[in-house]
């Protein structure tokens, strides 16, 4: 495991260089890509548990298909929202 102080001490010079030079630490396109990528990762992580639970519930009761489908698709709205924010900003 790594310690927070170690990570902070290695990240701080990178962020300070951007401030001293008068520009951002990372390019705007890289920040947009990072935002969408992290949103997609979070959605995939959420769908992992939701999908397993939804399939298990549908195996026992077929009437839960619609509810399971909605709950499985719901995290994908995070990625769509991230894309909308990138294009608006």
C-alpha atoms as a PDB file:
ATOM      1  CA  UNK A   1       0.000   0.000   0.000  1.00  0.00           C
ATOM      2  CA  UNK A   2       1.189   3.495  -0.622  1.00  0.00           C
ATOM      3  CA  UNK A   3       0.871   6.347   1.793  1.00  0.00           C
ATOM      4  CA  UNK A   4      -0.986   9.546   1.082  1.00  0.00           C
ATOM      5  CA  UNK A   5       2.050  11.675   1.975  1.00  0.00           C
ATOM      6  CA  UNK A   6       4.160   9.852  -0.608  1.00  0.00           C
ATOM      7  CA  UNK A   7       1.566  10.367  -3.324  1.00  0.00           C
ATOM      8  CA  UNK A   8       1.061  14.007  -2.368  1.00  0.00           C
ATOM      9  CA  UNK A   9       4.785  14.723  -2.408  1.00  0.00           C
ATOM     10  CA  UNK A  10       5.155  13.215  -5.883  1.00  0.00           C
ATOM     11  CA  UNK A  11       2.091  14.958  -7.348  1.00  0.00           C
ATOM     12  CA  UNK A  12       2.702  18.392  -5.794  1.00  0.00           C
ATOM     13  CA  UNK A  13       5.667  19.382  -8.035  1.00  0.00           C
ATOM     14  CA  UNK A  14       3.675  18.571 -11.162  1.00  0.00           C
ATOM     15  CA  UNK A  15       0.785  20.739 -10.059  1.00  0.00           C
ATOM     16  CA  UNK A  16       3.077  23.536  -8.891  1.00  0.00           C
ATOM     17  CA  UNK A  17       4.906  23.611 -12.220  1.00  0.00           C
ATOM     18  CA  UNK A  18       1.637  24.333 -13.981  1.00  0.00           C
ATOM     19  CA  UNK A  19       0.842  27.150 -11.564  1.00  0.00           C
ATOM     20  CA  UNK A  20       4.310  28.710 -11.789  1.00  0.00           C
ATOM     21  CA  UNK A  21       4.259  28.671 -15.570  1.00  0.00           C
ATOM     22  CA  UNK A  22       0.884  30.409 -15.537  1.00  0.00           C
ATOM     23  CA  UNK A  23      -0.974  27.574 -17.231  1.00  0.00           C
ATOM     24  CA  UNK A  24      -2.996  24.570 -16.230  1.00  0.00           C
ATOM     25  CA  UNK A  25      -1.334  21.428 -14.946  1.00  0.00           C
ATOM     26  CA  UNK A  26      -2.848  19.356 -17.784  1.00  0.00           C
ATOM     27  CA  UNK A  27      -4.264  20.324 -21.137  1.00  0.00           C
ATOM     28  CA  UNK A  28      -8.032  20.865 -21.421  1.00  0.00           C
ATOM     29  CA  UNK A  29      -8.418  17.961 -23.862  1.00  0.00           C
ATOM     30  CA  UNK A  30      -6.609  15.662 -21.429  1.00  0.00           C
ATOM     31  CA  UNK A  31      -8.833  16.829 -18.583  1.00  0.00           C
ATOM     32  CA  UNK A  32     -11.937  16.130 -20.676  1.00  0.00           C
ATOM     33  CA  UNK A  33     -10.661  12.675 -21.594  1.00  0.00           C
ATOM     34  CA  UNK A  34      -9.860  11.953 -17.959  1.00  0.00           C
ATOM     35  CA  UNK A  35     -13.345  13.050 -16.863  1.00  0.00           C
ATOM     36  CA  UNK A  36     -15.125  10.863 -19.406  1.00  0.00           C
ATOM     37  CA  UNK A  37     -12.797   7.925 -18.745  1.00  0.00           C
ATOM     38  CA  UNK A  38     -13.323   8.052 -14.999  1.00  0.00           C
ATOM     39  CA  UNK A  39     -17.085   8.356 -15.475  1.00  0.00           C
ATOM     40  CA  UNK A  40     -17.049   5.296 -17.747  1.00  0.00           C
ATOM     41  CA  UNK A  41     -14.938   3.371 -15.240  1.00  0.00           C
ATOM     42  CA  UNK A  42     -17.340   4.270 -12.432  1.00  0.00           C
ATOM     43  CA  UNK A  43     -20.347   3.245 -14.518  1.00  0.00           C
ATOM     44  CA  UNK A  44     -18.752  -0.088 -15.386  1.00  0.00           C
ATOM     45  CA  UNK A  45     -17.912  -0.720 -11.740  1.00  0.00           C
ATOM     46  CA  UNK A  46     -21.498   0.044 -10.716  1.00  0.00           C
ATOM     47  CA  UNK A  47     -22.961  -2.138 -13.454  1.00  0.00           C
ATOM     48  CA  UNK A  48     -20.882  -5.086 -12.306  1.00  0.00           C
ATOM     49  CA  UNK A  49     -22.823  -5.471  -9.070  1.00  0.00           C
ATOM     50  CA  UNK A  50     -26.166  -4.314 -10.409  1.00  0.00           C
ATOM     51  CA  UNK A  51     -26.047  -6.682 -13.377  1.00  0.00           C
ATOM     52  CA  UNK A  52     -25.273  -9.699 -11.218  1.00  0.00           C
ATOM     53  CA  UNK A  53     -28.097  -8.876  -8.830  1.00  0.00           C
ATOM     54  CA  UNK A  54     -30.539  -8.179 -11.668  1.00  0.00           C
ATOM     55  CA  UNK A  55     -29.799 -11.468 -13.418  1.00  0.00           C
ATOM     56  CA  UNK A  56     -30.196 -13.346 -10.126  1.00  0.00           C
ATOM     57  CA  UNK A  57     -33.521 -11.654  -9.457  1.00  0.00           C
ATOM     58  CA  UNK A  58     -34.778 -12.346 -12.991  1.00  0.00           C
ATOM     59  CA  UNK A  59     -33.792 -15.990 -12.663  1.00  0.00           C
ATOM     60  CA  UNK A  60     -36.188 -16.313  -9.759  1.00  0.00           C
ATOM     61  CA  UNK A  61     -38.961 -14.024 -11.014  1.00  0.00           C
ATOM     62  CA  UNK A  62     -39.310 -13.140 -14.702  1.00  0.00           C
ATOM     63  CA  UNK A  63     -41.598 -10.200 -13.889  1.00  0.00           C
ATOM     64  CA  UNK A  64     -38.548  -8.261 -12.633  1.00  0.00           C
ATOM     65  CA  UNK A  65     -37.060  -7.945 -16.134  1.00  0.00           C
ATOM     66  CA  UNK A  66     -38.124  -4.320 -16.650  1.00  0.00           C
ATOM     67  CA  UNK A  67     -36.915  -3.206 -13.236  1.00  0.00           C
ATOM     68  CA  UNK A  68     -33.611  -5.036 -13.688  1.00  0.00           C
ATOM     69  CA  UNK A  69     -33.104  -3.504 -17.126  1.00  0.00           C
ATOM     70  CA  UNK A  70     -33.708   0.024 -15.828  1.00  0.00           C
ATOM     71  CA  UNK A  71     -31.351  -0.463 -12.887  1.00  0.00           C
ATOM     72  CA  UNK A  72     -28.661  -1.879 -15.170  1.00  0.00           C
ATOM     73  CA  UNK A  73     -28.851   1.014 -17.649  1.00  0.00           C
ATOM     74  CA  UNK A  74     -29.039   3.728 -14.982  1.00  0.00           C
ATOM     75  CA  UNK A  75     -25.260   4.039 -14.341  1.00  0.00           C
ATOM     76  CA  UNK A  76     -24.674   4.647 -18.050  1.00  0.00           C
ATOM     77  CA  UNK A  77     -26.343   8.022 -17.642  1.00  0.00           C
ATOM     78  CA  UNK A  78     -23.175   9.076 -15.806  1.00  0.00           C
ATOM     79  CA  UNK A  79     -21.149   8.633 -18.975  1.00  0.00           C
ATOM     80  CA  UNK A  80     -23.740  10.450 -21.072  1.00  0.00           C
ATOM     81  CA  UNK A  81     -23.762  13.313 -18.563  1.00  0.00           C
ATOM     82  CA  UNK A  82     -19.949  13.467 -18.645  1.00  0.00           C
ATOM     83  CA  UNK A  83     -20.012  13.691 -22.456  1.00  0.00           C
ATOM     84  CA  UNK A  84     -22.623  16.447 -22.335  1.00  0.00           C
ATOM     85  CA  UNK A  85     -20.539  18.410 -19.833  1.00  0.00           C
ATOM     86  CA  UNK A  86     -17.427  18.059 -22.026  1.00  0.00           C
ATOM     87  CA  UNK A  87     -19.247  19.434 -25.060  1.00  0.00           C
ATOM     88  CA  UNK A  88     -20.948  22.234 -23.113  1.00  0.00           C
ATOM     89  CA  UNK A  89     -17.761  23.395 -21.395  1.00  0.00           C
END
